[in-house]
Amino acid sequence: MHRIFDRTAITTIAAMTAGLLTCTTLSTAALAEGRDAALIKRGALLVSVGDCVTCHTPFKMGANGPEKDMARGLSGHPEGLKLTPPPRLDAEWNWGGSATMTAFVGPWGISYSANLTPDRETGIGAWKEKDFIQAMRTGKHLGVARPLLPPMPWQGLSGLPEKDLQAIYAYLMSLPAVKNRVPEPVPPDVLAAKVAGR
């Protein structure tokens, strides 16, 4: 009976196999990380071009006057900011925005810009990618609930390729989570009662 492998050969083959598996795992992880980085970079570009910061980031007072508070970037209408009832609207002026650019009024009632950070309780951190894409495609919160209200331009976003919506989602999920519970929208009938009761 011939021995094809001795103990040293078996140990060497096992070590080489383990090394090969480790290299494969590391290079697969590096490829995935590179792919994720590219996706996040694309998402950052799309969010910048879409100017999401304008409505979804509150102001703070800076050295030269009001400026966007990037420490609360994309966290939506400030939780603690209570606004007075909005002005009466008529046919010529039928919508308006708050000085913070995070609250809006119109025929739809009052809408507040959402917290787009990955905070699981107050932002979109509990949303799955498919929920986000469905919301952008249908104009419905979580893709199935209440409508996304003006001035959210979901109609324009709905036409983006799925890869771009995935990139936007990846970018938003890469941001620091900001705990900020945005108020619920105010329906038109409740708004009418508020304005009438001034």
N, C-alpha and C. Protein backbone atom coordinates (compact mmCIF):
# COMPACT_ATOMS: atom_id res chain seq x y z
N MET A 1 0.82 -1.16 0.00
CA MET A 1 0.00 0.00 0.00
C MET A 1 0.88 1.24 0.00
N HIS A 2 0.58 2.13 -0.94
CA HIS A 2 1.40 3.35 -1.07
C HIS A 2 0.69 4.52 -0.40
N ARG A 3 1.45 5.28 0.27
CA ARG A 3 0.91 6.51 0.85
C ARG A 3 1.12 7.64 -0.16
N ILE A 4 0.02 8.24 -0.60
CA ILE A 4 0.14 9.31 -1.58
C ILE A 4 0.57 10.59 -0.88
N PHE A 5 -0.03 10.88 0.28
CA PHE A 5 0.31 12.09 1.01
C PHE A 5 0.82 11.73 2.38
N ASP A 6 1.83 12.41 2.80
CA ASP A 6 2.24 12.22 4.19
C ASP A 6 1.62 13.34 5.02
N ARG A 7 1.83 13.28 6.27
CA ARG A 7 1.21 14.23 7.19
C ARG A 7 1.62 15.68 6.88
N THR A 8 2.84 15.94 6.51
CA THR A 8 3.30 17.29 6.20
C THR A 8 2.59 17.83 4.97
N ALA A 9 2.40 16.99 3.96
CA ALA A 9 1.72 17.42 2.74
C ALA A 9 0.26 17.78 3.04
N ILE A 10 -0.40 16.98 3.86
CA ILE A 10 -1.80 17.25 4.20
C ILE A 10 -1.90 18.57 4.97
N THR A 11 -0.99 18.79 5.91
CA THR A 11 -0.98 20.04 6.68
C THR A 11 -0.74 21.23 5.75
N THR A 12 0.16 21.09 4.81
CA THR A 12 0.47 22.16 3.86
C THR A 12 -0.74 22.47 2.98
N ILE A 13 -1.40 21.44 2.48
CA ILE A 13 -2.59 21.64 1.64
C ILE A 13 -3.70 22.31 2.44
N ALA A 14 -3.90 21.91 3.68
CA ALA A 14 -4.93 22.51 4.53
C ALA A 14 -4.62 23.98 4.77
N ALA A 15 -3.36 24.30 5.03
CA ALA A 15 -2.97 25.69 5.28
C ALA A 15 -3.17 26.54 4.02
N MET A 16 -2.80 25.98 2.86
CA MET A 16 -2.98 26.70 1.60
C MET A 16 -4.48 26.93 1.32
N THR A 17 -5.29 25.93 1.57
CA THR A 17 -6.74 26.06 1.36
C THR A 17 -7.32 27.13 2.27
N ALA A 18 -6.92 27.12 3.55
CA ALA A 18 -7.41 28.12 4.49
C ALA A 18 -6.97 29.52 4.05
N GLY A 19 -5.72 29.64 3.60
CA GLY A 19 -5.22 30.92 3.12
C GLY A 19 -5.98 31.41 1.90
N LEU A 20 -6.26 30.50 0.99
CA LEU A 20 -7.01 30.84 -0.21
C LEU A 20 -8.43 31.29 0.13
N LEU A 21 -9.07 30.57 1.05
CA LEU A 21 -10.42 30.95 1.47
C LEU A 21 -10.42 32.33 2.14
N THR A 22 -9.41 32.60 2.96
CA THR A 22 -9.30 33.90 3.63
C THR A 22 -9.13 35.01 2.61
N CYS A 23 -8.24 34.80 1.63
CA CYS A 23 -8.02 35.80 0.58
C CYS A 23 -9.29 36.04 -0.23
N THR A 24 -9.99 34.96 -0.55
CA THR A 24 -11.23 35.08 -1.32
C THR A 24 -12.26 35.87 -0.53
N THR A 25 -12.38 35.55 0.77
CA THR A 25 -13.35 36.26 1.62
C THR A 25 -12.98 37.73 1.73
N LEU A 26 -11.70 38.03 1.95
CA LEU A 26 -11.27 39.42 2.06
C LEU A 26 -11.47 40.17 0.76
N SER A 27 -11.15 39.57 -0.38
CA SER A 27 -11.31 40.29 -1.64
C SER A 27 -12.79 40.45 -1.98
N THR A 28 -13.64 39.49 -1.61
CA THR A 28 -15.08 39.64 -1.82
C THR A 28 -15.60 40.78 -0.95
N ALA A 29 -15.15 40.87 0.30
CA ALA A 29 -15.56 41.95 1.19
C ALA A 29 -15.07 43.29 0.66
N ALA A 30 -13.85 43.33 0.17
CA ALA A 30 -13.31 44.58 -0.39
C ALA A 30 -14.09 45.00 -1.63
N LEU A 31 -14.46 44.04 -2.47
CA LEU A 31 -15.27 44.37 -3.65
C LEU A 31 -16.63 44.91 -3.24
N ALA A 32 -17.26 44.25 -2.26
CA ALA A 32 -18.57 44.71 -1.78
C ALA A 32 -18.46 46.10 -1.18
N GLU A 33 -17.38 46.33 -0.40
CA GLU A 33 -17.18 47.64 0.21
C GLU A 33 -16.99 48.70 -0.87
N GLY A 34 -16.22 48.39 -1.90
CA GLY A 34 -16.01 49.32 -3.00
C GLY A 34 -17.29 49.60 -3.76
N ARG A 35 -18.11 48.55 -3.97
CA ARG A 35 -19.39 48.70 -4.65
C ARG A 35 -20.33 49.56 -3.80
N ASP A 36 -20.35 49.32 -2.47
CA ASP A 36 -21.18 50.12 -1.56
C ASP A 36 -20.72 51.58 -1.57
N ALA A 37 -19.40 51.80 -1.55
CA ALA A 37 -18.87 53.16 -1.56
C ALA A 37 -19.28 53.88 -2.84
N ALA A 38 -19.22 53.19 -3.97
CA ALA A 38 -19.63 53.80 -5.24
C ALA A 38 -21.13 54.11 -5.23
N LEU A 39 -21.92 53.21 -4.68
CA LEU A 39 -23.37 53.41 -4.61
C LEU A 39 -23.70 54.61 -3.71
N ILE A 40 -23.03 54.69 -2.57
CA ILE A 40 -23.25 55.80 -1.63
C ILE A 40 -22.82 57.12 -2.28
N LYS A 41 -21.71 57.10 -2.99
CA LYS A 41 -21.22 58.32 -3.68
C LYS A 41 -22.25 58.77 -4.72
N ARG A 42 -22.80 57.83 -5.47
CA ARG A 42 -23.83 58.15 -6.46
C ARG A 42 -25.07 58.72 -5.76
N GLY A 43 -25.46 58.11 -4.64
CA GLY A 43 -26.61 58.61 -3.88
C GLY A 43 -26.38 60.03 -3.37
N ALA A 44 -25.17 60.31 -2.89
CA ALA A 44 -24.84 61.66 -2.41
C ALA A 44 -24.98 62.67 -3.54
N LEU A 45 -24.54 62.30 -4.72
CA LEU A 45 -24.66 63.18 -5.88
C LEU A 45 -26.14 63.45 -6.21
N LEU A 46 -26.94 62.40 -6.23
CA LEU A 46 -28.37 62.55 -6.55
C LEU A 46 -29.10 63.39 -5.50
N VAL A 47 -28.78 63.20 -4.24
CA VAL A 47 -29.40 63.98 -3.16
C VAL A 47 -28.98 65.45 -3.29
N SER A 48 -27.74 65.68 -3.68
CA SER A 48 -27.25 67.05 -3.87
C SER A 48 -27.94 67.71 -5.06
N VAL A 49 -28.00 67.01 -6.18
CA VAL A 49 -28.64 67.54 -7.38
C VAL A 49 -30.14 67.78 -7.13
N GLY A 50 -30.76 66.88 -6.38
CA GLY A 50 -32.18 67.03 -6.04
C GLY A 50 -32.44 68.11 -5.00
N ASP A 51 -31.37 68.65 -4.42
CA ASP A 51 -31.44 69.72 -3.42
C ASP A 51 -32.32 69.34 -2.24
N CYS A 52 -32.24 68.09 -1.80
CA CYS A 52 -33.04 67.61 -0.68
C CYS A 52 -32.77 68.39 0.60
N VAL A 53 -31.56 68.92 0.72
CA VAL A 53 -31.16 69.67 1.92
C VAL A 53 -32.05 70.89 2.11
N THR A 54 -32.48 71.53 1.04
CA THR A 54 -33.25 72.77 1.16
C THR A 54 -34.49 72.59 2.01
N CYS A 55 -35.24 71.53 1.81
CA CYS A 55 -36.48 71.33 2.58
C CYS A 55 -36.31 70.42 3.79
N HIS A 56 -35.32 69.54 3.78
CA HIS A 56 -35.22 68.53 4.83
C HIS A 56 -34.18 68.86 5.90
N THR A 57 -33.56 70.05 5.83
CA THR A 57 -32.57 70.45 6.84
C THR A 57 -32.98 71.79 7.44
N PRO A 58 -33.15 71.86 8.77
CA PRO A 58 -33.56 73.13 9.39
C PRO A 58 -32.42 74.16 9.40
N PHE A 59 -32.81 75.40 9.61
CA PHE A 59 -31.84 76.49 9.72
C PHE A 59 -31.33 76.63 11.14
N LYS A 60 -30.18 77.28 11.25
CA LYS A 60 -29.67 77.79 12.53
C LYS A 60 -29.14 79.19 12.23
N MET A 61 -28.92 79.97 13.25
CA MET A 61 -28.39 81.31 13.05
C MET A 61 -26.86 81.21 13.02
N GLY A 62 -26.29 81.63 11.91
CA GLY A 62 -24.84 81.61 11.75
C GLY A 62 -24.25 83.01 11.84
N ALA A 63 -22.97 83.13 11.62
CA ALA A 63 -22.28 84.42 11.71
C ALA A 63 -22.82 85.42 10.69
N ASN A 64 -23.29 84.92 9.55
CA ASN A 64 -23.81 85.81 8.51
C ASN A 64 -25.33 85.73 8.35
N GLY A 65 -26.02 85.27 9.39
CA GLY A 65 -27.47 85.13 9.31
C GLY A 65 -27.87 83.67 9.26
N PRO A 66 -29.11 83.40 8.85
CA PRO A 66 -29.60 82.01 8.82
C PRO A 66 -28.79 81.16 7.85
N GLU A 67 -28.52 79.94 8.28
CA GLU A 67 -27.83 78.97 7.43
C GLU A 67 -28.32 77.58 7.80
N LYS A 68 -28.17 76.65 6.86
CA LYS A 68 -28.61 75.28 7.12
C LYS A 68 -27.77 74.67 8.24
N ASP A 69 -28.43 73.99 9.15
CA ASP A 69 -27.78 73.35 10.30
C ASP A 69 -27.39 71.92 9.89
N MET A 70 -26.19 71.76 9.37
CA MET A 70 -25.78 70.47 8.84
C MET A 70 -25.55 69.42 9.93
N ALA A 71 -25.47 69.83 11.20
CA ALA A 71 -25.43 68.85 12.29
C ALA A 71 -26.77 68.12 12.39
N ARG A 72 -27.82 68.76 11.87
CA ARG A 72 -29.14 68.15 11.82
C ARG A 72 -29.55 67.89 10.36
N GLY A 73 -28.54 67.68 9.53
CA GLY A 73 -28.78 67.51 8.10
C GLY A 73 -29.80 66.43 7.77
N LEU A 74 -30.75 66.79 6.94
CA LEU A 74 -31.81 65.91 6.43
C LEU A 74 -32.69 65.31 7.53
N SER A 75 -32.75 66.00 8.69
CA SER A 75 -33.56 65.48 9.80
C SER A 75 -34.98 66.04 9.80
N GLY A 76 -35.32 66.87 8.83
CA GLY A 76 -36.69 67.34 8.69
C GLY A 76 -37.05 68.50 9.60
N HIS A 77 -38.36 68.77 9.67
CA HIS A 77 -38.86 69.86 10.49
C HIS A 77 -38.51 69.62 11.96
N PRO A 78 -37.95 70.63 12.64
CA PRO A 78 -37.54 70.44 14.04
C PRO A 78 -38.71 70.07 14.95
N GLU A 79 -38.52 69.04 15.71
CA GLU A 79 -39.54 68.51 16.63
C GLU A 79 -40.08 69.57 17.58
N GLY A 80 -39.21 70.37 18.13
CA GLY A 80 -39.62 71.33 19.15
C GLY A 80 -40.12 72.66 18.61
N LEU A 81 -40.12 72.85 17.31
CA LEU A 81 -40.53 74.13 16.73
C LEU A 81 -42.04 74.17 16.52
N LYS A 82 -42.73 74.98 17.31
CA LYS A 82 -44.18 75.14 17.19
C LYS A 82 -44.44 76.39 16.38
N LEU A 83 -45.17 76.24 15.30
CA LEU A 83 -45.47 77.37 14.42
C LEU A 83 -46.86 77.93 14.73
N THR A 84 -47.03 79.23 14.48
CA THR A 84 -48.35 79.83 14.59
C THR A 84 -49.18 79.35 13.40
N PRO A 85 -50.49 79.48 13.46
CA PRO A 85 -51.30 79.08 12.30
C PRO A 85 -50.84 79.83 11.04
N PRO A 86 -50.88 79.18 9.91
CA PRO A 86 -50.40 79.82 8.68
C PRO A 86 -51.35 80.92 8.22
N PRO A 87 -50.89 81.76 7.29
CA PRO A 87 -51.77 82.82 6.78
C PRO A 87 -52.91 82.23 5.95
N ARG A 88 -53.96 83.02 5.80
CA ARG A 88 -55.06 82.61 4.92
C ARG A 88 -54.55 82.59 3.48
N LEU A 89 -54.99 81.61 2.74
CA LEU A 89 -54.58 81.49 1.34
C LEU A 89 -55.78 81.81 0.46
N ASP A 90 -55.50 82.36 -0.72
CA ASP A 90 -56.59 82.61 -1.67
C ASP A 90 -56.19 82.03 -3.03
N ALA A 91 -56.96 82.32 -4.04
CA ALA A 91 -56.74 81.74 -5.36
C ALA A 91 -55.39 82.12 -5.96
N GLU A 92 -54.95 83.36 -5.72
CA GLU A 92 -53.68 83.79 -6.31
C GLU A 92 -52.47 83.31 -5.51
N TRP A 93 -52.60 83.27 -4.20
CA TRP A 93 -51.53 82.76 -3.34
C TRP A 93 -52.09 81.54 -2.63
N ASN A 94 -51.84 80.36 -3.21
CA ASN A 94 -52.50 79.17 -2.63
C ASN A 94 -51.57 78.20 -1.94
N TRP A 95 -50.33 78.60 -1.72
CA TRP A 95 -49.46 77.78 -0.88
C TRP A 95 -48.36 78.67 -0.32
N GLY A 96 -47.72 78.21 0.75
CA GLY A 96 -46.65 78.98 1.37
C GLY A 96 -45.74 78.07 2.19
N GLY A 97 -44.63 78.64 2.60
CA GLY A 97 -43.67 77.89 3.40
C GLY A 97 -43.24 78.66 4.63
N SER A 98 -42.83 77.93 5.64
CA SER A 98 -42.35 78.57 6.87
C SER A 98 -40.95 79.14 6.65
N ALA A 99 -40.52 80.00 7.54
CA ALA A 99 -39.20 80.59 7.45
C ALA A 99 -38.09 79.54 7.54
N THR A 100 -38.40 78.40 8.16
CA THR A 100 -37.40 77.34 8.29
C THR A 100 -37.26 76.52 7.01
N MET A 101 -38.20 76.69 6.07
CA MET A 101 -38.26 75.88 4.84
C MET A 101 -38.48 74.41 5.14
N THR A 102 -39.11 74.11 6.28
CA THR A 102 -39.39 72.71 6.64
C THR A 102 -40.87 72.45 6.87
N ALA A 103 -41.71 73.48 6.72
CA ALA A 103 -43.17 73.32 6.87
C ALA A 103 -43.83 74.08 5.74
N PHE A 104 -44.90 73.50 5.19
CA PHE A 104 -45.55 74.06 4.01
C PHE A 104 -47.06 73.98 4.17
N VAL A 105 -47.76 74.92 3.57
CA VAL A 105 -49.22 74.95 3.65
C VAL A 105 -49.78 75.14 2.24
N GLY A 106 -50.90 74.50 2.01
CA GLY A 106 -51.57 74.62 0.71
C GLY A 106 -52.89 73.88 0.75
N PRO A 107 -53.50 73.65 -0.41
CA PRO A 107 -54.79 72.95 -0.45
C PRO A 107 -54.74 71.57 0.21
N TRP A 108 -53.56 71.01 0.36
CA TRP A 108 -53.38 69.69 0.99
C TRP A 108 -53.36 69.76 2.51
N GLY A 109 -53.35 70.97 3.08
CA GLY A 109 -53.23 71.14 4.52
C GLY A 109 -51.84 71.65 4.86
N ILE A 110 -51.27 71.15 5.94
CA ILE A 110 -49.90 71.51 6.32
C ILE A 110 -49.05 70.24 6.23
N SER A 111 -47.93 70.36 5.56
CA SER A 111 -46.98 69.24 5.49
C SER A 111 -45.66 69.68 6.11
N TYR A 112 -44.97 68.72 6.69
CA TYR A 112 -43.68 68.96 7.33
C TYR A 112 -42.66 68.06 6.65
N SER A 113 -41.48 68.62 6.37
CA SER A 113 -40.47 67.79 5.73
C SER A 113 -40.03 66.67 6.68
N ALA A 114 -39.89 65.49 6.11
CA ALA A 114 -39.62 64.27 6.88
C ALA A 114 -38.17 64.17 7.32
N ASN A 115 -37.96 63.38 8.36
CA ASN A 115 -36.62 63.03 8.83
C ASN A 115 -36.12 61.90 7.92
N LEU A 116 -35.13 62.20 7.10
CA LEU A 116 -34.58 61.20 6.16
C LEU A 116 -33.34 60.50 6.70
N THR A 117 -33.00 60.74 7.97
CA THR A 117 -31.82 60.08 8.53
C THR A 117 -32.18 58.65 8.96
N PRO A 118 -31.19 57.81 9.19
CA PRO A 118 -31.48 56.42 9.55
C PRO A 118 -31.85 56.18 11.01
N ASP A 119 -32.37 57.19 11.70
CA ASP A 119 -32.85 56.95 13.06
C ASP A 119 -34.04 55.98 12.96
N ARG A 120 -33.98 54.88 13.71
CA ARG A 120 -34.99 53.83 13.60
C ARG A 120 -36.35 54.25 14.15
N GLU A 121 -36.39 55.18 15.10
CA GLU A 121 -37.66 55.58 15.70
C GLU A 121 -38.29 56.78 15.02
N THR A 122 -37.48 57.74 14.57
CA THR A 122 -38.05 58.99 14.05
C THR A 122 -37.70 59.27 12.59
N GLY A 123 -36.81 58.48 12.03
CA GLY A 123 -36.41 58.68 10.64
C GLY A 123 -36.81 57.50 9.79
N ILE A 124 -35.99 57.17 8.79
CA ILE A 124 -36.31 56.06 7.90
C ILE A 124 -35.43 54.83 8.19
N GLY A 125 -34.83 54.79 9.36
CA GLY A 125 -33.94 53.69 9.71
C GLY A 125 -34.60 52.32 9.74
N ALA A 126 -35.89 52.26 9.98
CA ALA A 126 -36.59 50.97 9.99
C ALA A 126 -37.11 50.59 8.61
N TRP A 127 -36.99 51.49 7.66
CA TRP A 127 -37.45 51.21 6.30
C TRP A 127 -36.48 50.26 5.61
N LYS A 128 -37.01 49.35 4.84
CA LYS A 128 -36.18 48.51 3.98
C LYS A 128 -36.02 49.24 2.65
N GLU A 129 -35.02 48.84 1.90
CA GLU A 129 -34.79 49.47 0.59
C GLU A 129 -36.05 49.42 -0.27
N LYS A 130 -36.74 48.30 -0.25
CA LYS A 130 -37.95 48.16 -1.08
C LYS A 130 -39.05 49.14 -0.64
N ASP A 131 -39.13 49.43 0.67
CA ASP A 131 -40.10 50.40 1.18
C ASP A 131 -39.81 51.79 0.61
N PHE A 132 -38.53 52.15 0.63
CA PHE A 132 -38.11 53.46 0.13
C PHE A 132 -38.42 53.59 -1.36
N ILE A 133 -38.04 52.58 -2.12
CA ILE A 133 -38.27 52.61 -3.57
C ILE A 133 -39.77 52.67 -3.86
N GLN A 134 -40.55 51.89 -3.15
CA GLN A 134 -42.00 51.88 -3.35
C GLN A 134 -42.60 53.26 -3.01
N ALA A 135 -42.11 53.89 -1.97
CA ALA A 135 -42.60 55.23 -1.60
C ALA A 135 -42.29 56.23 -2.71
N MET A 136 -41.09 56.15 -3.29
CA MET A 136 -40.73 57.07 -4.36
C MET A 136 -41.51 56.79 -5.65
N ARG A 137 -41.87 55.54 -5.86
CA ARG A 137 -42.62 55.16 -7.07
C ARG A 137 -44.12 55.50 -6.96
N THR A 138 -44.69 55.34 -5.76
CA THR A 138 -46.14 55.48 -5.60
C THR A 138 -46.58 56.80 -4.98
N GLY A 139 -45.64 57.52 -4.34
CA GLY A 139 -46.02 58.75 -3.64
C GLY A 139 -46.78 58.47 -2.36
N LYS A 140 -46.57 57.28 -1.79
CA LYS A 140 -47.24 56.90 -0.55
C LYS A 140 -46.19 56.59 0.52
N HIS A 141 -46.44 57.05 1.74
CA HIS A 141 -45.54 56.79 2.87
C HIS A 141 -45.37 55.28 3.03
N LEU A 142 -44.14 54.81 3.08
CA LEU A 142 -43.81 53.38 3.13
C LEU A 142 -44.37 52.62 1.92
N GLY A 143 -44.74 53.34 0.88
CA GLY A 143 -45.23 52.72 -0.34
C GLY A 143 -46.69 52.32 -0.30
N VAL A 144 -47.35 52.42 0.86
CA VAL A 144 -48.74 51.95 0.97
C VAL A 144 -49.63 52.85 1.83
N ALA A 145 -49.08 53.77 2.59
CA ALA A 145 -49.86 54.52 3.57
C ALA A 145 -50.29 55.88 3.01
N ARG A 146 -50.27 56.90 3.86
CA ARG A 146 -50.75 58.22 3.47
C ARG A 146 -49.90 58.78 2.32
N PRO A 147 -50.47 59.74 1.55
CA PRO A 147 -49.72 60.33 0.44
C PRO A 147 -48.51 61.12 0.94
N LEU A 148 -47.46 61.15 0.12
CA LEU A 148 -46.34 62.07 0.34
C LEU A 148 -46.84 63.42 -0.16
N LEU A 149 -46.84 64.41 0.68
CA LEU A 149 -47.48 65.69 0.37
C LEU A 149 -46.52 66.69 -0.25
N PRO A 150 -47.08 67.68 -0.99
CA PRO A 150 -46.26 68.74 -1.55
C PRO A 150 -45.51 69.45 -0.44
N PRO A 151 -44.37 70.01 -0.77
CA PRO A 151 -43.76 70.10 -2.09
C PRO A 151 -42.83 68.93 -2.43
N MET A 152 -42.93 67.80 -1.74
CA MET A 152 -42.08 66.64 -2.04
C MET A 152 -42.25 66.24 -3.51
N PRO A 153 -41.17 66.30 -4.29
CA PRO A 153 -41.28 66.04 -5.73
C PRO A 153 -41.16 64.56 -6.08
N TRP A 154 -41.95 63.72 -5.41
CA TRP A 154 -41.84 62.27 -5.64
C TRP A 154 -42.14 61.91 -7.09
N GLN A 155 -42.98 62.70 -7.78
CA GLN A 155 -43.30 62.39 -9.17
C GLN A 155 -42.04 62.38 -10.03
N GLY A 156 -41.15 63.33 -9.79
CA GLY A 156 -39.89 63.37 -10.53
C GLY A 156 -38.98 62.21 -10.15
N LEU A 157 -38.95 61.88 -8.87
CA LEU A 157 -38.12 60.77 -8.40
C LEU A 157 -38.65 59.43 -8.89
N SER A 158 -39.95 59.34 -9.11
CA SER A 158 -40.55 58.05 -9.51
C SER A 158 -40.01 57.56 -10.84
N GLY A 159 -39.53 58.48 -11.68
CA GLY A 159 -39.02 58.09 -12.99
C GLY A 159 -37.55 57.70 -12.99
N LEU A 160 -36.89 57.81 -11.84
CA LEU A 160 -35.47 57.42 -11.78
C LEU A 160 -35.32 55.91 -11.92
N PRO A 161 -34.22 55.47 -12.53
CA PRO A 161 -33.96 54.03 -12.58
C PRO A 161 -33.83 53.46 -11.16
N GLU A 162 -34.17 52.21 -11.01
CA GLU A 162 -34.11 51.56 -9.69
C GLU A 162 -32.72 51.71 -9.06
N LYS A 163 -31.68 51.61 -9.87
CA LYS A 163 -30.30 51.71 -9.35
C LYS A 163 -30.07 53.08 -8.69
N ASP A 164 -30.66 54.14 -9.26
CA ASP A 164 -30.50 55.47 -8.66
C ASP A 164 -31.27 55.57 -7.34
N LEU A 165 -32.47 55.00 -7.28
CA LEU A 165 -33.22 55.01 -6.03
C LEU A 165 -32.50 54.18 -4.97
N GLN A 166 -31.88 53.08 -5.37
CA GLN A 166 -31.07 52.28 -4.44
C GLN A 166 -29.90 53.11 -3.93
N ALA A 167 -29.30 53.90 -4.82
CA ALA A 167 -28.16 54.73 -4.43
C ALA A 167 -28.59 55.80 -3.43
N ILE A 168 -29.73 56.44 -3.67
CA ILE A 168 -30.23 57.46 -2.74
C ILE A 168 -30.48 56.82 -1.38
N TYR A 169 -31.12 55.66 -1.37
CA TYR A 169 -31.39 54.95 -0.11
C TYR A 169 -30.07 54.61 0.61
N ALA A 170 -29.10 54.08 -0.13
CA ALA A 170 -27.80 53.72 0.48
C ALA A 170 -27.14 54.94 1.10
N TYR A 171 -27.19 56.07 0.39
CA TYR A 171 -26.59 57.29 0.93
C TYR A 171 -27.31 57.73 2.20
N LEU A 172 -28.64 57.78 2.16
CA LEU A 172 -29.39 58.21 3.34
C LEU A 172 -29.10 57.30 4.54
N MET A 173 -28.99 56.01 4.30
CA MET A 173 -28.71 55.07 5.39
C MET A 173 -27.28 55.18 5.90
N SER A 174 -26.39 55.83 5.14
CA SER A 174 -24.99 55.99 5.58
C SER A 174 -24.80 57.24 6.45
N LEU A 175 -25.83 58.08 6.53
CA LEU A 175 -25.73 59.32 7.30
C LEU A 175 -25.82 59.05 8.80
N PRO A 176 -25.37 59.99 9.62
CA PRO A 176 -25.59 59.84 11.06
C PRO A 176 -27.09 59.92 11.36
N ALA A 177 -27.56 59.08 12.25
CA ALA A 177 -28.97 59.11 12.66
C ALA A 177 -29.20 60.33 13.54
N VAL A 178 -30.27 61.06 13.26
CA VAL A 178 -30.65 62.21 14.07
C VAL A 178 -32.04 61.94 14.63
N LYS A 179 -32.15 61.92 15.94
CA LYS A 179 -33.46 61.69 16.57
C LYS A 179 -34.25 62.99 16.51
N ASN A 180 -35.31 62.99 15.71
CA ASN A 180 -36.14 64.18 15.53
C ASN A 180 -37.51 63.72 15.02
N ARG A 181 -38.50 63.72 15.91
CA ARG A 181 -39.84 63.30 15.53
C ARG A 181 -40.58 64.47 14.89
N VAL A 182 -40.78 64.36 13.59
CA VAL A 182 -41.47 65.40 12.82
C VAL A 182 -42.97 65.30 13.08
N PRO A 183 -43.67 66.44 13.20
CA PRO A 183 -45.12 66.38 13.41
C PRO A 183 -45.83 65.70 12.23
N GLU A 184 -46.99 65.15 12.51
CA GLU A 184 -47.81 64.56 11.45
C GLU A 184 -48.42 65.68 10.61
N PRO A 185 -48.72 65.42 9.34
CA PRO A 185 -49.37 66.45 8.52
C PRO A 185 -50.73 66.84 9.11
N VAL A 186 -51.13 68.06 8.79
CA VAL A 186 -52.43 68.56 9.22
C VAL A 186 -53.36 68.54 8.00
N PRO A 187 -54.46 67.77 8.05
CA PRO A 187 -55.36 67.70 6.90
C PRO A 187 -56.06 69.04 6.64
N PRO A 188 -56.56 69.25 5.41
CA PRO A 188 -57.19 70.52 5.05
C PRO A 188 -58.34 70.94 5.96
N ASP A 189 -59.18 70.01 6.39
CA ASP A 189 -60.33 70.40 7.23
C ASP A 189 -59.88 70.88 8.61
N VAL A 190 -58.85 70.25 9.16
CA VAL A 190 -58.31 70.68 10.47
C VAL A 190 -57.63 72.03 10.31
N LEU A 191 -56.89 72.21 9.20
CA LEU A 191 -56.24 73.49 8.92
C LEU A 191 -57.28 74.60 8.80
N ALA A 192 -58.37 74.36 8.09
CA ALA A 192 -59.42 75.36 7.91
C ALA A 192 -59.99 75.80 9.26
N ALA A 193 -60.18 74.85 10.16
CA ALA A 193 -60.69 75.17 11.50
C ALA A 193 -59.68 76.01 12.27
N LYS A 194 -58.38 75.69 12.13
CA LYS A 194 -57.33 76.46 12.83
C LYS A 194 -57.30 77.90 12.33
N VAL A 195 -57.33 78.06 11.01
CA VAL A 195 -57.26 79.39 10.43
C VAL A 195 -58.51 80.20 10.77
N ALA A 196 -59.67 79.56 10.75
CA ALA A 196 -60.93 80.25 11.08
C ALA A 196 -60.97 80.67 12.54
N GLY A 197 -60.32 79.91 13.41
CA GLY A 197 -60.35 80.20 14.86
C GLY A 197 -59.30 81.16 15.32
N ARG A 198 -58.65 81.85 14.45
CA ARG A 198 -57.58 82.80 14.84
C ARG A 198 -58.04 83.79 15.84
